[in-house]
Amino acid sequence: MKTLFKSILSVLVILAVTSVNAQQSANLLKVNEFVQTLYANCPEYQNNDQILKATDLLERTIIHSVALGEYPECPLLSTVGKKNKCNPDLDYSLLSFEPNNFNPLIYQFKYFDTAYYYYRVDGKDFIIEIKPKN
């Protein structure tokens, strides 16, 4: 467990140093669309409270451009749980992954943990960082 923590900490430090210009937050302009997609069949969740929560989550989701061979210790995005209770037709295909259209709300990321988490997008030059809540 200590080795995993040290590896993740190393990734954090290296990403912070090397990718300042090669990162972007999840697309905040699409927060309404992302919430509607996640809660397509649950209109009771399509409200301002959910928009505010989703905005916070998107602000803490950073997508880094990182060469495919780097940081092989990062778990793959495909291993993260998926949310499909309100929309069983969600598309989780990563074949045409584009950071600007990525909806992190449809995944069960550990947004409320105290640690940073990193996930490699399967077969792509991107690592997704999940920042802890302050």
N, C-alpha and C. Protein backbone atom coordinates (compact mmCIF):
# COMPACT_ATOMS: atom_id res chain seq x y z
N MET A 1 0.83 -1.19 0.00
CA MET A 1 0.00 0.00 0.00
C MET A 1 0.87 1.25 0.00
N LYS A 2 1.98 1.21 0.77
CA LYS A 2 2.89 2.35 0.79
C LYS A 2 3.50 2.59 -0.58
N THR A 3 3.82 1.50 -1.28
CA THR A 3 4.40 1.62 -2.61
C THR A 3 3.41 2.27 -3.57
N LEU A 4 2.16 1.86 -3.50
CA LEU A 4 1.13 2.46 -4.35
C LEU A 4 0.98 3.94 -4.04
N PHE A 5 0.96 4.28 -2.76
CA PHE A 5 0.83 5.69 -2.37
C PHE A 5 2.01 6.49 -2.88
N LYS A 6 3.23 5.95 -2.74
CA LYS A 6 4.43 6.65 -3.22
C LYS A 6 4.38 6.82 -4.74
N SER A 7 3.91 5.79 -5.45
CA SER A 7 3.79 5.89 -6.90
C SER A 7 2.81 6.97 -7.30
N ILE A 8 1.68 6.99 -6.62
CA ILE A 8 0.66 8.00 -6.94
C ILE A 8 1.18 9.39 -6.59
N LEU A 9 1.88 9.51 -5.47
CA LEU A 9 2.45 10.80 -5.08
C LEU A 9 3.48 11.25 -6.11
N SER A 10 4.28 10.32 -6.59
CA SER A 10 5.26 10.65 -7.62
C SER A 10 4.58 11.15 -8.89
N VAL A 11 3.51 10.47 -9.28
CA VAL A 11 2.75 10.91 -10.46
C VAL A 11 2.24 12.33 -10.25
N LEU A 12 1.71 12.60 -9.07
CA LEU A 12 1.19 13.93 -8.76
C LEU A 12 2.26 14.99 -8.92
N VAL A 13 3.42 14.76 -8.35
CA VAL A 13 4.50 15.74 -8.40
C VAL A 13 4.96 15.95 -9.84
N ILE A 14 5.16 14.86 -10.55
CA ILE A 14 5.63 14.97 -11.94
C ILE A 14 4.59 15.66 -12.82
N LEU A 15 3.33 15.30 -12.66
CA LEU A 15 2.28 15.95 -13.45
C LEU A 15 2.21 17.43 -13.13
N ALA A 16 2.35 17.78 -11.88
CA ALA A 16 2.27 19.18 -11.49
C ALA A 16 3.41 19.98 -12.11
N VAL A 17 4.59 19.38 -12.19
CA VAL A 17 5.75 20.07 -12.72
C VAL A 17 5.76 20.10 -14.24
N THR A 18 5.42 18.98 -14.87
CA THR A 18 5.61 18.88 -16.32
C THR A 18 4.41 19.26 -17.17
N SER A 19 3.23 19.34 -16.59
CA SER A 19 2.08 19.52 -17.48
C SER A 19 1.23 20.75 -17.14
N VAL A 20 1.85 21.78 -16.65
CA VAL A 20 1.09 22.97 -16.30
C VAL A 20 0.34 23.51 -17.52
N ASN A 21 0.97 23.50 -18.68
CA ASN A 21 0.33 24.01 -19.87
C ASN A 21 -0.48 22.95 -20.61
N ALA A 22 -0.33 21.70 -20.24
CA ALA A 22 -0.99 20.63 -20.96
C ALA A 22 -2.11 20.01 -20.13
N GLN A 23 -2.87 20.84 -19.46
CA GLN A 23 -3.98 20.33 -18.66
C GLN A 23 -5.19 21.20 -18.88
N GLN A 24 -6.31 20.63 -18.59
CA GLN A 24 -7.54 21.40 -18.67
C GLN A 24 -8.55 20.80 -17.72
N SER A 25 -9.39 21.66 -17.19
CA SER A 25 -10.48 21.17 -16.35
C SER A 25 -11.53 20.54 -17.25
N ALA A 26 -12.31 19.68 -16.65
CA ALA A 26 -13.44 19.13 -17.39
C ALA A 26 -14.29 20.30 -17.88
N ASN A 27 -15.02 20.12 -18.93
CA ASN A 27 -15.73 21.20 -19.60
C ASN A 27 -16.90 21.73 -18.78
N LEU A 28 -16.67 22.86 -18.10
CA LEU A 28 -17.71 23.47 -17.27
C LEU A 28 -18.86 24.05 -18.09
N LEU A 29 -18.60 24.36 -19.35
CA LEU A 29 -19.65 24.91 -20.20
C LEU A 29 -20.74 23.88 -20.49
N LYS A 30 -20.41 22.61 -20.27
CA LYS A 30 -21.37 21.55 -20.58
C LYS A 30 -22.00 20.96 -19.32
N VAL A 31 -21.90 21.66 -18.20
CA VAL A 31 -22.40 21.09 -16.95
C VAL A 31 -23.88 20.72 -17.05
N ASN A 32 -24.71 21.57 -17.64
CA ASN A 32 -26.14 21.26 -17.79
C ASN A 32 -26.34 20.01 -18.65
N GLU A 33 -25.63 19.95 -19.75
CA GLU A 33 -25.73 18.78 -20.64
C GLU A 33 -25.28 17.51 -19.93
N PHE A 34 -24.19 17.60 -19.19
CA PHE A 34 -23.66 16.43 -18.48
C PHE A 34 -24.65 15.94 -17.42
N VAL A 35 -25.26 16.85 -16.69
CA VAL A 35 -26.24 16.47 -15.67
C VAL A 35 -27.47 15.84 -16.33
N GLN A 36 -27.94 16.44 -17.42
CA GLN A 36 -29.11 15.88 -18.12
C GLN A 36 -28.81 14.50 -18.68
N THR A 37 -27.59 14.30 -19.17
CA THR A 37 -27.21 12.99 -19.69
C THR A 37 -27.19 11.95 -18.57
N LEU A 38 -26.58 12.30 -17.45
CA LEU A 38 -26.49 11.36 -16.33
C LEU A 38 -27.87 11.01 -15.77
N TYR A 39 -28.73 12.01 -15.65
CA TYR A 39 -30.05 11.83 -15.01
C TYR A 39 -31.19 11.85 -16.03
N ALA A 40 -30.97 11.31 -17.20
CA ALA A 40 -31.95 11.37 -18.28
C ALA A 40 -33.34 10.89 -17.87
N ASN A 41 -33.43 9.82 -17.11
CA ASN A 41 -34.73 9.26 -16.73
C ASN A 41 -35.10 9.56 -15.28
N CYS A 42 -34.42 10.51 -14.69
CA CYS A 42 -34.69 10.90 -13.29
C CYS A 42 -34.79 12.43 -13.21
N PRO A 43 -35.88 13.01 -13.68
CA PRO A 43 -36.00 14.47 -13.70
C PRO A 43 -35.89 15.10 -12.32
N GLU A 44 -36.16 14.34 -11.26
CA GLU A 44 -36.07 14.89 -9.92
C GLU A 44 -34.63 15.30 -9.56
N TYR A 45 -33.65 14.79 -10.32
CA TYR A 45 -32.25 15.16 -10.09
C TYR A 45 -31.75 16.24 -11.05
N GLN A 46 -32.57 16.66 -11.95
CA GLN A 46 -32.18 17.70 -12.90
C GLN A 46 -32.60 19.05 -12.33
N ASN A 47 -31.80 19.54 -11.37
CA ASN A 47 -32.15 20.79 -10.70
C ASN A 47 -30.89 21.59 -10.38
N ASN A 48 -31.09 22.76 -9.84
CA ASN A 48 -29.96 23.65 -9.55
C ASN A 48 -28.99 23.07 -8.53
N ASP A 49 -29.50 22.33 -7.55
CA ASP A 49 -28.60 21.71 -6.57
C ASP A 49 -27.64 20.75 -7.26
N GLN A 50 -28.15 19.94 -8.17
CA GLN A 50 -27.30 19.00 -8.89
C GLN A 50 -26.32 19.73 -9.80
N ILE A 51 -26.76 20.84 -10.39
CA ILE A 51 -25.87 21.63 -11.24
C ILE A 51 -24.72 22.18 -10.41
N LEU A 52 -25.00 22.68 -9.22
CA LEU A 52 -23.95 23.20 -8.34
C LEU A 52 -22.98 22.10 -7.92
N LYS A 53 -23.50 20.94 -7.56
CA LYS A 53 -22.65 19.82 -7.19
C LYS A 53 -21.78 19.38 -8.37
N ALA A 54 -22.41 19.29 -9.52
CA ALA A 54 -21.69 18.87 -10.72
C ALA A 54 -20.59 19.87 -11.09
N THR A 55 -20.87 21.14 -10.92
CA THR A 55 -19.86 22.17 -11.21
C THR A 55 -18.64 21.98 -10.33
N ASP A 56 -18.87 21.72 -9.05
CA ASP A 56 -17.76 21.47 -8.12
C ASP A 56 -16.95 20.26 -8.58
N LEU A 57 -17.63 19.18 -8.95
CA LEU A 57 -16.93 17.97 -9.39
C LEU A 57 -16.12 18.22 -10.66
N LEU A 58 -16.71 18.95 -11.59
CA LEU A 58 -16.00 19.23 -12.85
C LEU A 58 -14.78 20.11 -12.61
N GLU A 59 -14.88 21.04 -11.67
CA GLU A 59 -13.74 21.89 -11.35
C GLU A 59 -12.59 21.09 -10.75
N ARG A 60 -12.91 19.97 -10.14
CA ARG A 60 -11.88 19.14 -9.51
C ARG A 60 -11.44 17.97 -10.38
N THR A 61 -11.88 17.97 -11.64
CA THR A 61 -11.49 16.95 -12.60
C THR A 61 -10.58 17.60 -13.63
N ILE A 62 -9.32 17.21 -13.63
CA ILE A 62 -8.33 17.79 -14.54
C ILE A 62 -7.87 16.70 -15.50
N ILE A 63 -7.79 17.04 -16.76
CA ILE A 63 -7.34 16.09 -17.77
C ILE A 63 -5.98 16.54 -18.26
N HIS A 64 -4.99 15.67 -18.08
CA HIS A 64 -3.61 15.95 -18.47
C HIS A 64 -3.28 15.20 -19.75
N SER A 65 -2.53 15.85 -20.60
CA SER A 65 -2.01 15.19 -21.79
C SER A 65 -0.66 14.58 -21.41
N VAL A 66 -0.58 13.25 -21.41
CA VAL A 66 0.62 12.54 -20.97
C VAL A 66 0.86 11.37 -21.93
N ALA A 67 2.09 11.24 -22.39
CA ALA A 67 2.42 10.18 -23.35
C ALA A 67 1.95 8.82 -22.84
N LEU A 68 1.51 8.01 -23.74
CA LEU A 68 0.89 6.72 -23.43
C LEU A 68 1.78 5.81 -22.58
N GLY A 69 3.06 5.79 -22.80
CA GLY A 69 3.95 4.90 -22.04
C GLY A 69 4.27 5.36 -20.63
N GLU A 70 3.99 6.61 -20.33
CA GLU A 70 4.33 7.14 -19.01
C GLU A 70 3.29 6.76 -17.97
N TYR A 71 3.75 6.54 -16.76
CA TYR A 71 2.90 6.24 -15.60
C TYR A 71 2.01 5.01 -15.80
N PRO A 72 2.63 3.89 -16.10
CA PRO A 72 1.83 2.67 -16.30
C PRO A 72 1.13 2.21 -15.02
N GLU A 73 1.52 2.76 -13.88
CA GLU A 73 0.88 2.37 -12.62
C GLU A 73 -0.51 2.97 -12.43
N CYS A 74 -0.87 3.93 -13.27
CA CYS A 74 -2.21 4.52 -13.16
C CYS A 74 -3.27 3.50 -13.54
N PRO A 75 -4.30 3.34 -12.72
CA PRO A 75 -5.38 2.44 -13.11
C PRO A 75 -6.10 2.98 -14.36
N LEU A 76 -6.67 2.09 -15.11
CA LEU A 76 -7.36 2.48 -16.33
C LEU A 76 -8.76 3.00 -16.03
N LEU A 77 -9.20 3.95 -16.83
CA LEU A 77 -10.54 4.51 -16.69
C LEU A 77 -11.60 3.41 -16.77
N SER A 78 -11.37 2.41 -17.59
CA SER A 78 -12.35 1.34 -17.76
C SER A 78 -12.57 0.54 -16.48
N THR A 79 -11.69 0.69 -15.48
CA THR A 79 -11.85 -0.04 -14.22
C THR A 79 -12.71 0.71 -13.22
N VAL A 80 -13.04 1.95 -13.52
CA VAL A 80 -13.84 2.77 -12.61
C VAL A 80 -15.31 2.39 -12.77
N GLY A 81 -16.02 2.33 -11.65
CA GLY A 81 -17.45 2.03 -11.70
C GLY A 81 -18.21 3.05 -12.53
N LYS A 82 -19.33 2.63 -13.04
CA LYS A 82 -20.13 3.50 -13.90
C LYS A 82 -21.50 3.74 -13.29
N LYS A 83 -21.99 4.94 -13.49
CA LYS A 83 -23.32 5.31 -12.99
C LYS A 83 -24.31 5.17 -14.14
N ASN A 84 -25.26 4.30 -14.00
CA ASN A 84 -26.24 4.15 -15.08
C ASN A 84 -27.65 3.91 -14.53
N LYS A 85 -27.88 4.24 -13.28
CA LYS A 85 -29.20 4.03 -12.67
C LYS A 85 -30.29 4.83 -13.39
N CYS A 86 -29.99 6.07 -13.72
CA CYS A 86 -30.99 6.94 -14.34
C CYS A 86 -30.87 7.00 -15.86
N ASN A 87 -29.86 6.36 -16.40
CA ASN A 87 -29.70 6.36 -17.85
C ASN A 87 -28.93 5.09 -18.25
N PRO A 88 -29.63 3.99 -18.45
CA PRO A 88 -28.95 2.75 -18.81
C PRO A 88 -28.34 2.77 -20.21
N ASP A 89 -28.61 3.81 -20.98
CA ASP A 89 -28.09 3.90 -22.35
C ASP A 89 -26.82 4.74 -22.46
N LEU A 90 -26.17 5.02 -21.34
CA LEU A 90 -24.95 5.83 -21.38
C LEU A 90 -23.87 5.14 -22.22
N ASP A 91 -23.11 5.94 -22.92
CA ASP A 91 -22.04 5.43 -23.77
C ASP A 91 -20.71 5.60 -23.04
N TYR A 92 -20.06 4.50 -22.72
CA TYR A 92 -18.77 4.53 -22.03
C TYR A 92 -17.61 4.22 -22.96
N SER A 93 -17.85 4.22 -24.25
CA SER A 93 -16.80 3.92 -25.21
C SER A 93 -15.70 4.97 -25.12
N LEU A 94 -14.47 4.51 -25.13
CA LEU A 94 -13.33 5.41 -25.05
C LEU A 94 -12.59 5.49 -26.39
N LEU A 95 -13.15 4.89 -27.42
CA LEU A 95 -12.49 4.87 -28.72
C LEU A 95 -12.28 6.27 -29.29
N SER A 96 -13.25 7.14 -29.10
CA SER A 96 -13.13 8.51 -29.63
C SER A 96 -13.08 9.52 -28.48
N PHE A 97 -12.32 9.21 -27.44
CA PHE A 97 -12.21 10.08 -26.28
C PHE A 97 -11.71 11.46 -26.67
N GLU A 98 -12.44 12.49 -26.25
CA GLU A 98 -12.03 13.88 -26.45
C GLU A 98 -12.24 14.60 -25.12
N PRO A 99 -11.19 15.23 -24.58
CA PRO A 99 -11.32 15.90 -23.28
C PRO A 99 -12.47 16.89 -23.22
N ASN A 100 -12.74 17.61 -24.29
CA ASN A 100 -13.80 18.62 -24.28
C ASN A 100 -15.19 18.02 -24.16
N ASN A 101 -15.35 16.77 -24.52
CA ASN A 101 -16.66 16.12 -24.48
C ASN A 101 -16.77 15.05 -23.40
N PHE A 102 -15.73 14.89 -22.61
CA PHE A 102 -15.71 13.86 -21.58
C PHE A 102 -16.61 14.25 -20.41
N ASN A 103 -17.54 13.36 -20.07
CA ASN A 103 -18.46 13.59 -18.96
C ASN A 103 -18.03 12.75 -17.76
N PRO A 104 -17.24 13.31 -16.85
CA PRO A 104 -16.78 12.54 -15.69
C PRO A 104 -17.90 12.19 -14.71
N LEU A 105 -19.03 12.85 -14.83
CA LEU A 105 -20.14 12.60 -13.91
C LEU A 105 -20.71 11.19 -14.05
N ILE A 106 -20.47 10.56 -15.18
CA ILE A 106 -21.04 9.23 -15.40
C ILE A 106 -20.17 8.11 -14.80
N TYR A 107 -19.06 8.50 -14.17
CA TYR A 107 -18.17 7.54 -13.52
C TYR A 107 -18.22 7.71 -12.01
N GLN A 108 -17.93 6.66 -11.29
CA GLN A 108 -17.93 6.68 -9.83
C GLN A 108 -16.53 7.01 -9.32
N PHE A 109 -16.07 8.21 -9.63
CA PHE A 109 -14.78 8.66 -9.13
C PHE A 109 -14.88 8.93 -7.63
N LYS A 110 -13.75 8.88 -6.96
CA LYS A 110 -13.70 9.09 -5.51
C LYS A 110 -13.54 10.58 -5.20
N TYR A 111 -14.57 11.34 -5.52
CA TYR A 111 -14.53 12.78 -5.34
C TYR A 111 -14.51 13.21 -3.87
N PHE A 112 -14.96 12.37 -2.98
CA PHE A 112 -15.10 12.79 -1.59
C PHE A 112 -14.07 12.14 -0.68
N ASP A 113 -13.02 11.61 -1.28
CA ASP A 113 -11.91 11.06 -0.53
C ASP A 113 -10.92 12.20 -0.25
N THR A 114 -9.94 11.96 0.59
CA THR A 114 -8.98 13.01 0.93
C THR A 114 -7.73 12.94 0.07
N ALA A 115 -7.64 11.97 -0.82
CA ALA A 115 -6.46 11.79 -1.66
C ALA A 115 -6.72 12.24 -3.09
N TYR A 116 -5.64 12.45 -3.82
CA TYR A 116 -5.72 12.68 -5.26
C TYR A 116 -5.79 11.31 -5.93
N TYR A 117 -6.52 11.22 -7.03
CA TYR A 117 -6.62 9.98 -7.80
C TYR A 117 -6.31 10.29 -9.26
N TYR A 118 -5.68 9.30 -9.92
CA TYR A 118 -5.30 9.44 -11.32
C TYR A 118 -5.73 8.19 -12.08
N TYR A 119 -6.26 8.40 -13.28
CA TYR A 119 -6.72 7.30 -14.11
C TYR A 119 -6.25 7.54 -15.54
N ARG A 120 -5.68 6.51 -16.14
CA ARG A 120 -5.27 6.58 -17.54
C ARG A 120 -6.48 6.27 -18.41
N VAL A 121 -6.73 7.11 -19.40
CA VAL A 121 -7.77 6.79 -20.38
C VAL A 121 -7.21 5.66 -21.25
N ASP A 122 -7.91 4.55 -21.28
CA ASP A 122 -7.44 3.34 -21.96
C ASP A 122 -6.94 3.63 -23.37
N GLY A 123 -5.67 3.33 -23.61
CA GLY A 123 -5.10 3.45 -24.95
C GLY A 123 -4.93 4.87 -25.46
N LYS A 124 -5.01 5.86 -24.59
CA LYS A 124 -4.94 7.27 -25.02
C LYS A 124 -3.85 8.01 -24.26
N ASP A 125 -3.50 9.18 -24.76
CA ASP A 125 -2.48 10.04 -24.17
C ASP A 125 -3.06 10.99 -23.13
N PHE A 126 -3.95 10.49 -22.29
CA PHE A 126 -4.57 11.34 -21.28
C PHE A 126 -4.62 10.64 -19.93
N ILE A 127 -4.38 11.43 -18.89
CA ILE A 127 -4.58 10.98 -17.52
C ILE A 127 -5.57 11.93 -16.88
N ILE A 128 -6.55 11.36 -16.20
CA ILE A 128 -7.58 12.15 -15.51
C ILE A 128 -7.20 12.23 -14.05
N GLU A 129 -7.12 13.45 -13.55
CA GLU A 129 -6.82 13.69 -12.14
C GLU A 129 -8.09 14.08 -11.41
N ILE A 130 -8.33 13.47 -10.27
CA ILE A 130 -9.47 13.82 -9.42
C ILE A 130 -8.89 14.45 -8.16
N LYS A 131 -9.17 15.73 -7.98
CA LYS A 131 -8.67 16.43 -6.80
C LYS A 131 -9.62 16.23 -5.63
N PRO A 132 -9.07 16.14 -4.42
CA PRO A 132 -9.96 15.98 -3.25
C PRO A 132 -10.71 17.28 -2.95
N LYS A 133 -11.80 17.15 -2.25
CA LYS A 133 -12.56 18.32 -1.83
C LYS A 133 -11.79 19.00 -0.72
N ASN A 134 -11.69 20.31 -0.76
CA ASN A 134 -10.96 21.07 0.28
C ASN A 134 -11.68 20.99 1.59
